[in-house]
């Protein structure tokens, strides 16, 4: 593991076999990139832009922004940016929560792993009024990594959470190919779009497996997943990327596909604990943690 500083910020780099991982755990516990040296040349797996605005690090389109305590957008009576807690108090809640723009401290680090704990600020405490410790841990391997979210309830009341990942994957990753040459492969019984007023609209035009050039794939949320594995890659079936849930997904577990523009050099494939706006839907799909207990959300990402 190597520590280096750029523009006054400390970063860490891990080289494990052919893989190189870079992270800035103090800023949002962000994994920034994963690159792998193959016989055919270097390949970017987790995308990070060559240049970015450090002052807006939390909104950089790249790496794996941590979505906590709730993934996606929360609404109250159709109005964006709030939720009502279990005690009935209306509170602010930024889209995707507050960790991606928050500060963290590294609690453990070694040659193949790193762990960081969130340091909640006043805005985070106003949004999520609990006593807790939230940890993000990465374990790096030669052909992939495991990432664990761990939330420890140190409060006297139970607490809900519905976190998620926002993996930015480089796509396409072959010269001469485009999005139409790649396909997203898994099974799900339900697909929806999250409307601007917080409601869900059935998405009937996207069928799985889905090509990444499908005009309606982006911003589609899939639920009622069949199995614990998501694959995507070239239509030839070679060099797939695999995302694996550590536990069998619940009926409310979600897999989200998203990109910014038609020519963006990335496509996000995002495992979430539940659909967005869960607090407004009787906390459907949220996990609850009793006082003195902890919960984990664990995924693996590797080359299939």
C-alpha atoms as a PDB file:
ATOM      1  CA  UNK A   1       0.000   0.000   0.000  1.00  0.00           C
ATOM      2  CA  UNK A   2       1.301   3.429  -0.985  1.00  0.00           C
ATOM      3  CA  UNK A   3       0.264   6.802   0.449  1.00  0.00           C
ATOM      4  CA  UNK A   4       0.623   9.839  -1.764  1.00  0.00           C
ATOM      5  CA  UNK A   5      -0.501  13.458  -1.610  1.00  0.00           C
ATOM      6  CA  UNK A   6      -1.913  15.590  -4.389  1.00  0.00           C
ATOM      7  CA  UNK A   7      -3.245  19.134  -4.013  1.00  0.00           C
ATOM      8  CA  UNK A   8      -2.972  18.780  -0.254  1.00  0.00           C
ATOM      9  CA  UNK A   9      -5.144  15.663  -0.109  1.00  0.00           C
ATOM     10  CA  UNK A  10      -3.951  12.231   1.011  1.00  0.00           C
ATOM     11  CA  UNK A  11      -4.719   9.254  -1.216  1.00  0.00           C
ATOM     12  CA  UNK A  12      -3.896   5.569  -0.981  1.00  0.00           C
ATOM     13  CA  UNK A  13      -2.942   3.116  -3.716  1.00  0.00           C
ATOM     14  CA  UNK A  14      -2.978  -0.668  -3.486  1.00  0.00           C
ATOM     15  CA  UNK A  15      -1.354  -3.022  -5.991  1.00  0.00           C
ATOM     16  CA  UNK A  16      -2.617  -6.573  -5.655  1.00  0.00           C
ATOM     17  CA  UNK A  17      -1.436  -8.839  -8.445  1.00  0.00           C
ATOM     18  CA  UNK A  18      -2.417  -7.223 -11.737  1.00  0.00           C
ATOM     19  CA  UNK A  19      -4.912  -4.859 -10.072  1.00  0.00           C
ATOM     20  CA  UNK A  20      -4.353  -1.304  -8.875  1.00  0.00           C
ATOM     21  CA  UNK A  21      -6.882   0.425  -6.617  1.00  0.00           C
ATOM     22  CA  UNK A  22      -6.888   4.096  -5.590  1.00  0.00           C
ATOM     23  CA  UNK A  23      -9.053   5.576  -2.827  1.00  0.00           C
ATOM     24  CA  UNK A  24      -9.519   8.736  -0.821  1.00  0.00           C
ATOM     25  CA  UNK A  25     -11.142   7.361   2.302  1.00  0.00           C
ATOM     26  CA  UNK A  26     -11.118  10.662   4.185  1.00  0.00           C
ATOM     27  CA  UNK A  27     -13.445  12.234   1.610  1.00  0.00           C
ATOM     28  CA  UNK A  28     -16.626  10.206   1.582  1.00  0.00           C
ATOM     29  CA  UNK A  29     -14.822   6.858   1.969  1.00  0.00           C
ATOM     30  CA  UNK A  30     -14.497   6.958  -1.806  1.00  0.00           C
ATOM     31  CA  UNK A  31     -12.969   4.198  -3.862  1.00  0.00           C
ATOM     32  CA  UNK A  32     -11.853   6.197  -6.865  1.00  0.00           C
ATOM     33  CA  UNK A  33     -10.587   3.698  -9.406  1.00  0.00           C
ATOM     34  CA  UNK A  34      -9.730   0.107 -10.183  1.00  0.00           C
ATOM     35  CA  UNK A  35      -7.383  -0.664 -13.081  1.00  0.00           C
ATOM     36  CA  UNK A  36      -6.047  -4.009 -14.144  1.00  0.00           C
ATOM     37  CA  UNK A  37      -3.011  -4.881 -16.254  1.00  0.00           C
ATOM     38  CA  UNK A  38      -3.951  -7.595 -18.749  1.00  0.00           C
ATOM     39  CA  UNK A  39      -1.816  -9.289 -21.423  1.00  0.00           C
ATOM     40  CA  UNK A  40      -3.834  -7.321 -23.965  1.00  0.00           C
ATOM     41  CA  UNK A  41      -3.148  -4.001 -22.198  1.00  0.00           C
ATOM     42  CA  UNK A  42      -4.286  -1.948 -19.245  1.00  0.00           C
ATOM     43  CA  UNK A  43      -8.015  -1.843 -18.565  1.00  0.00           C
ATOM     44  CA  UNK A  44     -10.008   0.604 -16.457  1.00  0.00           C
ATOM     45  CA  UNK A  45     -12.777  -1.217 -14.582  1.00  0.00           C
ATOM     46  CA  UNK A  46     -13.988   1.391 -12.076  1.00  0.00           C
ATOM     47  CA  UNK A  47     -13.933   4.745 -13.835  1.00  0.00           C
ATOM     48  CA  UNK A  48     -12.384   7.970 -12.511  1.00  0.00           C
ATOM     49  CA  UNK A  49     -12.062  11.165 -14.601  1.00  0.00           C
ATOM     50  CA  UNK A  50      -8.567  12.463 -15.306  1.00  0.00           C
ATOM     51  CA  UNK A  51      -9.431  15.859 -13.818  1.00  0.00           C
ATOM     52  CA  UNK A  52     -11.945  16.902 -11.162  1.00  0.00           C
ATOM     53  CA  UNK A  53     -12.840  19.806  -8.900  1.00  0.00           C
ATOM     54  CA  UNK A  54     -11.561  18.929  -5.423  1.00  0.00           C
ATOM     55  CA  UNK A  55     -14.013  21.387  -3.880  1.00  0.00           C
ATOM     56  CA  UNK A  56     -16.841  19.304  -5.381  1.00  0.00           C
ATOM     57  CA  UNK A  57     -15.299  15.906  -4.687  1.00  0.00           C
ATOM     58  CA  UNK A  58     -18.587  14.476  -3.445  1.00  0.00           C
ATOM     59  CA  UNK A  59     -20.283  15.050  -6.792  1.00  0.00           C
ATOM     60  CA  UNK A  60     -17.455  13.814  -9.053  1.00  0.00           C
ATOM     61  CA  UNK A  61     -18.830  11.311 -11.532  1.00  0.00           C
ATOM     62  CA  UNK A  62     -16.550   8.394 -10.861  1.00  0.00           C
ATOM     63  CA  UNK A  63     -15.478   5.744  -8.384  1.00  0.00           C
ATOM     64  CA  UNK A  64     -18.022   4.460  -5.888  1.00  0.00           C
ATOM     65  CA  UNK A  65     -19.943   7.188  -4.052  1.00  0.00           C
ATOM     66  CA  UNK A  66     -21.400   5.796  -0.824  1.00  0.00           C
ATOM     67  CA  UNK A  67     -25.180   6.180  -0.617  1.00  0.00           C
ATOM     68  CA  UNK A  68     -26.172   6.444   3.075  1.00  0.00           C
ATOM     69  CA  UNK A  69     -28.432   6.349   5.006  1.00  0.00           C
ATOM     70  CA  UNK A  70     -30.837   6.092   2.068  1.00  0.00           C
ATOM     71  CA  UNK A  71     -30.006   5.552  -1.602  1.00  0.00           C
ATOM     72  CA  UNK A  72     -31.816   7.708  -4.133  1.00  0.00           C
ATOM     73  CA  UNK A  73     -34.194  10.593  -3.520  1.00  0.00           C
ATOM     74  CA  UNK A  74     -36.550  11.114  -0.587  1.00  0.00           C
ATOM     75  CA  UNK A  75     -39.808  13.069  -0.850  1.00  0.00           C
ATOM     76  CA  UNK A  76     -42.462  14.293   1.537  1.00  0.00           C
ATOM     77  CA  UNK A  77     -45.856  14.986  -0.044  1.00  0.00           C
ATOM     78  CA  UNK A  78     -44.132  15.095  -3.435  1.00  0.00           C
ATOM     79  CA  UNK A  79     -41.496  17.635  -2.316  1.00  0.00           C
ATOM     80  CA  UNK A  80     -37.866  16.592  -2.845  1.00  0.00           C
ATOM     81  CA  UNK A  81     -35.168  16.528  -0.175  1.00  0.00           C
ATOM     82  CA  UNK A  82     -36.949  15.491   3.019  1.00  0.00           C
ATOM     83  CA  UNK A  83     -38.110  12.452   4.949  1.00  0.00           C
ATOM     84  CA  UNK A  84     -40.304  11.845   7.983  1.00  0.00           C
ATOM     85  CA  UNK A  85     -38.557   9.842  10.698  1.00  0.00           C
ATOM     86  CA  UNK A  86     -40.322   7.080  12.692  1.00  0.00           C
ATOM     87  CA  UNK A  87     -41.276   9.631  15.368  1.00  0.00           C
ATOM     88  CA  UNK A  88     -43.093  11.733  12.758  1.00  0.00           C
ATOM     89  CA  UNK A  89     -40.522  14.532  12.509  1.00  0.00           C
ATOM     90  CA  UNK A  90     -39.862  15.977   9.042  1.00  0.00           C
ATOM     91  CA  UNK A  91     -36.118  16.158   8.389  1.00  0.00           C
ATOM     92  CA  UNK A  92     -33.824  17.139   5.504  1.00  0.00           C
ATOM     93  CA  UNK A  93     -32.304  14.345   3.428  1.00  0.00           C
ATOM     94  CA  UNK A  94     -30.062  15.092   0.427  1.00  0.00           C
ATOM     95  CA  UNK A  95     -30.322  12.836  -2.608  1.00  0.00           C
ATOM     96  CA  UNK A  96     -28.251   9.718  -1.872  1.00  0.00           C
ATOM     97  CA  UNK A  97     -27.721  10.888   1.711  1.00  0.00           C
ATOM     98  CA  UNK A  98     -24.679  12.700   3.057  1.00  0.00           C
ATOM     99  CA  UNK A  99     -21.668  10.362   3.147  1.00  0.00           C
ATOM    100  CA  UNK A 100     -20.399  11.023  -0.384  1.00  0.00           C
ATOM    101  CA  UNK A 101     -19.731  14.662   0.571  1.00  0.00           C
ATOM    102  CA  UNK A 102     -18.853  13.882   4.201  1.00  0.00           C
ATOM    103  CA  UNK A 103     -15.598  13.468   6.089  1.00  0.00           C
ATOM    104  CA  UNK A 104     -14.307  10.148   7.391  1.00  0.00           C
ATOM    105  CA  UNK A 105     -11.395   8.846   9.441  1.00  0.00           C
ATOM    106  CA  UNK A 106      -9.399   5.749   8.578  1.00  0.00           C
ATOM    107  CA  UNK A 107      -9.771   3.160  11.318  1.00  0.00           C
ATOM    108  CA  UNK A 108      -7.754   0.309   9.785  1.00  0.00           C
ATOM    109  CA  UNK A 109      -5.479  -0.065   6.767  1.00  0.00           C
ATOM    110  CA  UNK A 110      -3.159  -2.729   5.388  1.00  0.00           C
ATOM    111  CA  UNK A 111      -1.663  -4.157   2.231  1.00  0.00           C
ATOM    112  CA  UNK A 112      -5.012  -5.442   0.932  1.00  0.00           C
ATOM    113  CA  UNK A 113      -7.701  -3.618   2.922  1.00  0.00           C
ATOM    114  CA  UNK A 114      -8.889  -0.301   4.315  1.00  0.00           C
ATOM    115  CA  UNK A 115     -11.704   0.750   6.636  1.00  0.00           C
ATOM    116  CA  UNK A 116     -13.065   4.211   7.419  1.00  0.00           C
ATOM    117  CA  UNK A 117     -15.672   5.610   9.814  1.00  0.00           C
ATOM    118  CA  UNK A 118     -17.999   8.479   9.027  1.00  0.00           C
ATOM    119  CA  UNK A 119     -17.582  11.666  11.061  1.00  0.00           C
ATOM    120  CA  UNK A 120     -21.118  13.114  11.025  1.00  0.00           C
ATOM    121  CA  UNK A 121     -21.335  16.907  10.916  1.00  0.00           C
ATOM    122  CA  UNK A 122     -24.225  19.098  12.062  1.00  0.00           C
ATOM    123  CA  UNK A 123     -26.057  18.660   8.755  1.00  0.00           C
ATOM    124  CA  UNK A 124     -25.735  14.873   8.975  1.00  0.00           C
ATOM    125  CA  UNK A 125     -27.022  14.855  12.548  1.00  0.00           C
ATOM    126  CA  UNK A 126     -29.994  17.016  11.569  1.00  0.00           C
ATOM    127  CA  UNK A 127     -30.840  14.605   8.730  1.00  0.00           C
ATOM    128  CA  UNK A 128     -30.298  11.355  10.625  1.00  0.00           C
ATOM    129  CA  UNK A 129     -30.897  11.878  14.363  1.00  0.00           C
ATOM    130  CA  UNK A 130     -29.249   8.802  15.829  1.00  0.00           C
ATOM    131  CA  UNK A 131     -26.154   7.831  17.764  1.00  0.00           C
ATOM    132  CA  UNK A 132     -24.289   5.403  15.531  1.00  0.00           C
ATOM    133  CA  UNK A 133     -21.029   4.413  13.893  1.00  0.00           C
ATOM    134  CA  UNK A 134     -21.019   3.851  10.144  1.00  0.00           C
ATOM    135  CA  UNK A 135     -18.040   2.069   8.593  1.00  0.00           C
ATOM    136  CA  UNK A 136     -17.008   1.415   4.990  1.00  0.00           C
ATOM    137  CA  UNK A 137     -14.503  -1.391   4.463  1.00  0.00           C
ATOM    138  CA  UNK A 138     -12.784  -2.532   1.259  1.00  0.00           C
ATOM    139  CA  UNK A 139     -10.861  -5.781   0.850  1.00  0.00           C
ATOM    140  CA  UNK A 140      -8.853  -5.887  -2.372  1.00  0.00           C
ATOM    141  CA  UNK A 141      -7.977  -8.974  -4.398  1.00  0.00           C
ATOM    142  CA  UNK A 142      -6.145  -9.778  -7.610  1.00  0.00           C
ATOM    143  CA  UNK A 143      -9.291  -9.802  -9.743  1.00  0.00           C
ATOM    144  CA  UNK A 144     -11.841  -7.990  -7.618  1.00  0.00           C
ATOM    145  CA  UNK A 145     -12.812  -6.594  -4.259  1.00  0.00           C
ATOM    146  CA  UNK A 146     -15.340  -6.897  -1.452  1.00  0.00           C
ATOM    147  CA  UNK A 147     -17.007  -3.829   0.041  1.00  0.00           C
ATOM    148  CA  UNK A 148     -18.869  -3.824   3.337  1.00  0.00           C
ATOM    149  CA  UNK A 149     -21.101  -1.180   4.879  1.00  0.00           C
ATOM    150  CA  UNK A 150     -21.484  -1.685   8.637  1.00  0.00           C
ATOM    151  CA  UNK A 151     -23.875   0.357  10.755  1.00  0.00           C
ATOM    152  CA  UNK A 152     -23.693   0.045  14.550  1.00  0.00           C
ATOM    153  CA  UNK A 153     -26.640   1.369  16.542  1.00  0.00           C
ATOM    154  CA  UNK A 154     -25.438   3.166  19.676  1.00  0.00           C
ATOM    155  CA  UNK A 155     -28.781   4.782  20.319  1.00  0.00           C
ATOM    156  CA  UNK A 156     -31.643   3.852  22.635  1.00  0.00           C
ATOM    157  CA  UNK A 157     -34.077   3.439  19.735  1.00  0.00           C
ATOM    158  CA  UNK A 158     -34.076   1.317  16.633  1.00  0.00           C
ATOM    159  CA  UNK A 159     -32.975   2.927  13.396  1.00  0.00           C
ATOM    160  CA  UNK A 160     -33.807   2.375   9.697  1.00  0.00           C
ATOM    161  CA  UNK A 161     -31.373   2.398   6.808  1.00  0.00           C
ATOM    162  CA  UNK A 162     -31.495   1.656   3.090  1.00  0.00           C
ATOM    163  CA  UNK A 163     -27.962   2.244   1.696  1.00  0.00           C
ATOM    164  CA  UNK A 164     -26.503   1.550  -1.720  1.00  0.00           C
ATOM    165  CA  UNK A 165     -23.523   1.728  -4.038  1.00  0.00           C
ATOM    166  CA  UNK A 166     -23.045   3.978  -7.061  1.00  0.00           C
ATOM    167  CA  UNK A 167     -20.348   2.090  -8.984  1.00  0.00           C
ATOM    168  CA  UNK A 168     -19.139   3.969 -12.070  1.00  0.00           C
ATOM    169  CA  UNK A 169     -17.884   1.323 -14.487  1.00  0.00           C
ATOM    170  CA  UNK A 170     -15.835   2.194 -17.540  1.00  0.00           C
ATOM    171  CA  UNK A 171     -17.914   1.345 -20.599  1.00  0.00           C
ATOM    172  CA  UNK A 172     -17.091   0.566 -23.302  1.00  0.00           C
ATOM    173  CA  UNK A 173     -13.739  -0.941 -22.334  1.00  0.00           C
ATOM    174  CA  UNK A 174     -12.722  -2.233 -25.762  1.00  0.00           C
ATOM    175  CA  UNK A 175     -11.445  -0.061 -28.585  1.00  0.00           C
ATOM    176  CA  UNK A 176     -13.812   0.006 -31.499  1.00  0.00           C
ATOM    177  CA  UNK A 177     -16.845  -1.087 -29.470  1.00  0.00           C
ATOM    178  CA  UNK A 178     -19.747   0.988 -28.199  1.00  0.00           C
ATOM    179  CA  UNK A 179     -22.605   0.582 -25.734  1.00  0.00           C
ATOM    180  CA  UNK A 180     -24.616  -1.473 -28.209  1.00  0.00           C
ATOM    181  CA  UNK A 181     -21.955  -4.182 -27.944  1.00  0.00           C
ATOM    182  CA  UNK A 182     -22.453  -4.674 -24.178  1.00  0.00           C
ATOM    183  CA  UNK A 183     -25.307  -6.266 -22.283  1.00  0.00           C
ATOM    184  CA  UNK A 184     -26.626  -6.285 -18.702  1.00  0.00           C
ATOM    185  CA  UNK A 185     -27.522  -9.845 -17.672  1.00  0.00           C
ATOM    186  CA  UNK A 186     -29.635 -10.851 -14.670  1.00  0.00           C
ATOM    187  CA  UNK A 187     -33.256 -11.661 -13.877  1.00  0.00           C
ATOM    188  CA  UNK A 188     -35.766  -9.391 -12.164  1.00  0.00           C
ATOM    189  CA  UNK A 189     -39.564  -9.553 -12.006  1.00  0.00           C
ATOM    190  CA  UNK A 190     -40.164  -5.814 -11.750  1.00  0.00           C
ATOM    191  CA  UNK A 191     -38.767  -2.599 -13.263  1.00  0.00           C
ATOM    192  CA  UNK A 192     -39.794   0.967 -12.413  1.00  0.00           C
ATOM    193  CA  UNK A 193     -38.814   4.585 -12.880  1.00  0.00           C
ATOM    194  CA  UNK A 194     -38.763   7.009  -9.941  1.00  0.00           C
ATOM    195  CA  UNK A 195     -40.840  10.025 -10.982  1.00  0.00           C
ATOM    196  CA  UNK A 196     -40.073  13.623  -9.998  1.00  0.00           C
ATOM    197  CA  UNK A 197     -42.881  13.627  -7.429  1.00  0.00           C
ATOM    198  CA  UNK A 198     -41.533  10.542  -5.678  1.00  0.00           C
ATOM    199  CA  UNK A 199     -43.965   7.995  -7.130  1.00  0.00           C
ATOM    200  CA  UNK A 200     -42.967   4.903  -9.089  1.00  0.00           C
ATOM    201  CA  UNK A 201     -43.945   4.362 -12.702  1.00  0.00           C
ATOM    202  CA  UNK A 202     -43.779   0.839 -14.191  1.00  0.00           C
ATOM    203  CA  UNK A 203     -41.076   0.470 -16.839  1.00  0.00           C
ATOM    204  CA  UNK A 204     -42.359  -1.965 -19.444  1.00  0.00           C
ATOM    205  CA  UNK A 205     -39.998  -1.297 -22.344  1.00  0.00           C
ATOM    206  CA  UNK A 206     -36.736  -2.532 -20.828  1.00  0.00           C
ATOM    207  CA  UNK A 207     -36.453  -6.310 -20.999  1.00  0.00           C
ATOM    208  CA  UNK A 208     -33.575  -8.277 -19.489  1.00  0.00           C
ATOM    209  CA  UNK A 209     -30.968  -9.024 -20.677  1.00  0.00           C
ATOM    210  CA  UNK A 210     -30.691  -5.378 -21.813  1.00  0.00           C
ATOM    211  CA  UNK A 211     -28.247  -3.775 -24.179  1.00  0.00           C
ATOM    212  CA  UNK A 212     -26.514  -0.719 -22.764  1.00  0.00           C
ATOM    213  CA  UNK A 213     -27.627   1.363 -25.718  1.00  0.00           C
ATOM    214  CA  UNK A 214     -31.307   0.832 -24.852  1.00  0.00           C
ATOM    215  CA  UNK A 215     -32.766   4.369 -24.741  1.00  0.00           C
ATOM    216  CA  UNK A 216     -34.753   3.672 -21.546  1.00  0.00           C
ATOM    217  CA  UNK A 217     -32.250   1.614 -19.572  1.00  0.00           C
ATOM    218  CA  UNK A 218     -30.710   4.565 -17.738  1.00  0.00           C
ATOM    219  CA  UNK A 219     -32.461   5.404 -14.469  1.00  0.00           C
ATOM    220  CA  UNK A 220     -34.372   2.117 -14.421  1.00  0.00           C
ATOM    221  CA  UNK A 221     -34.701   0.417 -11.043  1.00  0.00           C
ATOM    222  CA  UNK A 222     -35.089  -3.367 -10.995  1.00  0.00           C
ATOM    223  CA  UNK A 223     -36.544  -5.234  -8.004  1.00  0.00           C
ATOM    224  CA  UNK A 224     -37.635  -8.765  -7.120  1.00  0.00           C
ATOM    225  CA  UNK A 225     -34.259  -9.984  -8.304  1.00  0.00           C
ATOM    226  CA  UNK A 226     -33.766 -13.663  -9.046  1.00  0.00           C
ATOM    227  CA  UNK A 227     -30.446 -14.859  -7.678  1.00  0.00           C
ATOM    228  CA  UNK A 228     -27.571 -13.044  -6.039  1.00  0.00           C
ATOM    229  CA  UNK A 229     -25.456 -12.281  -9.128  1.00  0.00           C
ATOM    230  CA  UNK A 230     -25.462  -9.555 -11.786  1.00  0.00           C
ATOM    231  CA  UNK A 231     -23.284  -9.869 -14.887  1.00  0.00           C
ATOM    232  CA  UNK A 232     -22.504  -7.376 -17.613  1.00  0.00           C
ATOM    233  CA  UNK A 233     -20.038  -7.250 -20.445  1.00  0.00           C
ATOM    234  CA  UNK A 234     -19.600  -7.831 -24.185  1.00  0.00           C
ATOM    235  CA  UNK A 235     -22.332  -9.702 -25.994  1.00  0.00           C
ATOM    236  CA  UNK A 236     -19.743 -12.373 -26.733  1.00  0.00           C
ATOM    237  CA  UNK A 237     -19.926 -13.340 -23.055  1.00  0.00           C
ATOM    238  CA  UNK A 238     -16.208 -12.825 -22.436  1.00  0.00           C
ATOM    239  CA  UNK A 239     -14.613 -10.498 -19.846  1.00  0.00           C
ATOM    240  CA  UNK A 240     -17.804 -10.011 -17.846  1.00  0.00           C
ATOM    241  CA  UNK A 241     -17.913  -7.962 -14.670  1.00  0.00           C
ATOM    242  CA  UNK A 242     -19.784  -9.672 -11.849  1.00  0.00           C
ATOM    243  CA  UNK A 243     -21.535  -8.092  -8.872  1.00  0.00           C
ATOM    244  CA  UNK A 244     -22.513 -10.520  -6.135  1.00  0.00           C
ATOM    245  CA  UNK A 245     -24.731  -9.852  -3.115  1.00  0.00           C
ATOM    246  CA  UNK A 246     -23.362 -11.556  -0.008  1.00  0.00           C
ATOM    247  CA  UNK A 247     -26.922 -12.461   0.986  1.00  0.00           C
ATOM    248  CA  UNK A 248     -29.823 -13.596  -1.150  1.00  0.00           C
ATOM    249  CA  UNK A 249     -31.535 -10.372  -2.203  1.00  0.00           C
ATOM    250  CA  UNK A 250     -34.843  -9.588  -0.526  1.00  0.00           C
ATOM    251  CA  UNK A 251     -37.865  -8.933  -2.716  1.00  0.00           C
ATOM    252  CA  UNK A 252     -37.288  -5.199  -2.167  1.00  0.00           C
ATOM    253  CA  UNK A 253     -33.560  -5.201  -2.986  1.00  0.00           C
ATOM    254  CA  UNK A 254     -32.883  -3.012  -6.017  1.00  0.00           C
ATOM    255  CA  UNK A 255     -30.412  -2.950  -8.883  1.00  0.00           C
ATOM    256  CA  UNK A 256     -30.143   0.418 -10.626  1.00  0.00           C
ATOM    257  CA  UNK A 257     -28.697   1.220 -14.057  1.00  0.00           C
ATOM    258  CA  UNK A 258     -27.763   4.828 -14.769  1.00  0.00           C
ATOM    259  CA  UNK A 259     -25.560   7.010 -16.947  1.00  0.00           C
ATOM    260  CA  UNK A 260     -25.252  10.745 -17.492  1.00  0.00           C
ATOM    261  CA  UNK A 261     -25.139  11.184 -21.268  1.00  0.00           C
ATOM    262  CA  UNK A 262     -25.220   9.032 -24.378  1.00  0.00           C
ATOM    263  CA  UNK A 263     -21.480   9.512 -24.825  1.00  0.00           C
ATOM    264  CA  UNK A 264     -20.389   9.348 -21.173  1.00  0.00           C
ATOM    265  CA  UNK A 265     -17.391   6.982 -20.788  1.00  0.00           C
ATOM    266  CA  UNK A 266     -19.140   5.118 -17.974  1.00  0.00           C
ATOM    267  CA  UNK A 267     -22.308   3.295 -17.032  1.00  0.00           C
ATOM    268  CA  UNK A 268     -23.342   2.819 -13.409  1.00  0.00           C
ATOM    269  CA  UNK A 269     -24.606  -0.528 -12.148  1.00  0.00           C
ATOM    270  CA  UNK A 270     -25.734  -0.026  -8.560  1.00  0.00           C
ATOM    271  CA  UNK A 271     -26.830  -2.525  -5.890  1.00  0.00           C
ATOM    272  CA  UNK A 272     -29.171  -0.914  -3.335  1.00  0.00           C
ATOM    273  CA  UNK A 273     -30.757  -2.364  -0.210  1.00  0.00           C
ATOM    274  CA  UNK A 274     -34.158  -1.065  -1.327  1.00  0.00           C
ATOM    275  CA  UNK A 275     -35.927   1.308  -3.673  1.00  0.00           C
ATOM    276  CA  UNK A 276     -35.581   5.053  -3.046  1.00  0.00           C
ATOM    277  CA  UNK A 277     -38.100   7.054  -1.023  1.00  0.00           C
ATOM    278  CA  UNK A 278     -38.632   4.118   1.323  1.00  0.00           C
ATOM    279  CA  UNK A 279     -39.487   6.306   4.366  1.00  0.00           C
ATOM    280  CA  UNK A 280     -42.478   7.717   2.461  1.00  0.00           C
ATOM    281  CA  UNK A 281     -43.627   4.180   1.634  1.00  0.00           C
ATOM    282  CA  UNK A 282     -43.893   2.872   5.200  1.00  0.00           C
ATOM    283  CA  UNK A 283     -40.118   2.196   5.151  1.00  0.00           C
ATOM    284  CA  UNK A 284     -40.673  -0.659   2.703  1.00  0.00           C
ATOM    285  CA  UNK A 285     -37.437  -2.562   2.203  1.00  0.00           C
ATOM    286  CA  UNK A 286     -35.489  -0.630   4.834  1.00  0.00           C
ATOM    287  CA  UNK A 287     -33.525  -2.633   7.349  1.00  0.00           C
ATOM    288  CA  UNK A 288     -34.037  -1.911  11.045  1.00  0.00           C
ATOM    289  CA  UNK A 289     -31.270  -2.106  13.644  1.00  0.00           C
ATOM    290  CA  UNK A 290     -32.146  -2.521  17.289  1.00  0.00           C
ATOM    291  CA  UNK A 291     -30.214  -0.634  20.003  1.00  0.00           C
ATOM    292  CA  UNK A 292     -26.820  -2.189  20.643  1.00  0.00           C
ATOM    293  CA  UNK A 293     -26.897  -4.200  17.419  1.00  0.00           C
ATOM    294  CA  UNK A 294     -25.263  -3.836  13.989  1.00  0.00           C
ATOM    295  CA  UNK A 295     -26.139  -4.620  10.384  1.00  0.00           C
ATOM    296  CA  UNK A 296     -24.038  -5.113   7.255  1.00  0.00           C
ATOM    297  CA  UNK A 297     -24.568  -4.695   3.531  1.00  0.00           C
ATOM    298  CA  UNK A 298     -21.868  -6.598   1.634  1.00  0.00           C
ATOM    299  CA  UNK A 299     -21.165  -6.933  -2.094  1.00  0.00           C
ATOM    300  CA  UNK A 300     -18.374  -8.313  -4.247  1.00  0.00           C
ATOM    301  CA  UNK A 301     -17.213  -6.915  -7.578  1.00  0.00           C
ATOM    302  CA  UNK A 302     -14.867  -8.986  -9.701  1.00  0.00           C
ATOM    303  CA  UNK A 303     -14.021 -10.178 -13.183  1.00  0.00           C
ATOM    304  CA  UNK A 304     -16.123 -13.190 -14.000  1.00  0.00           C
END
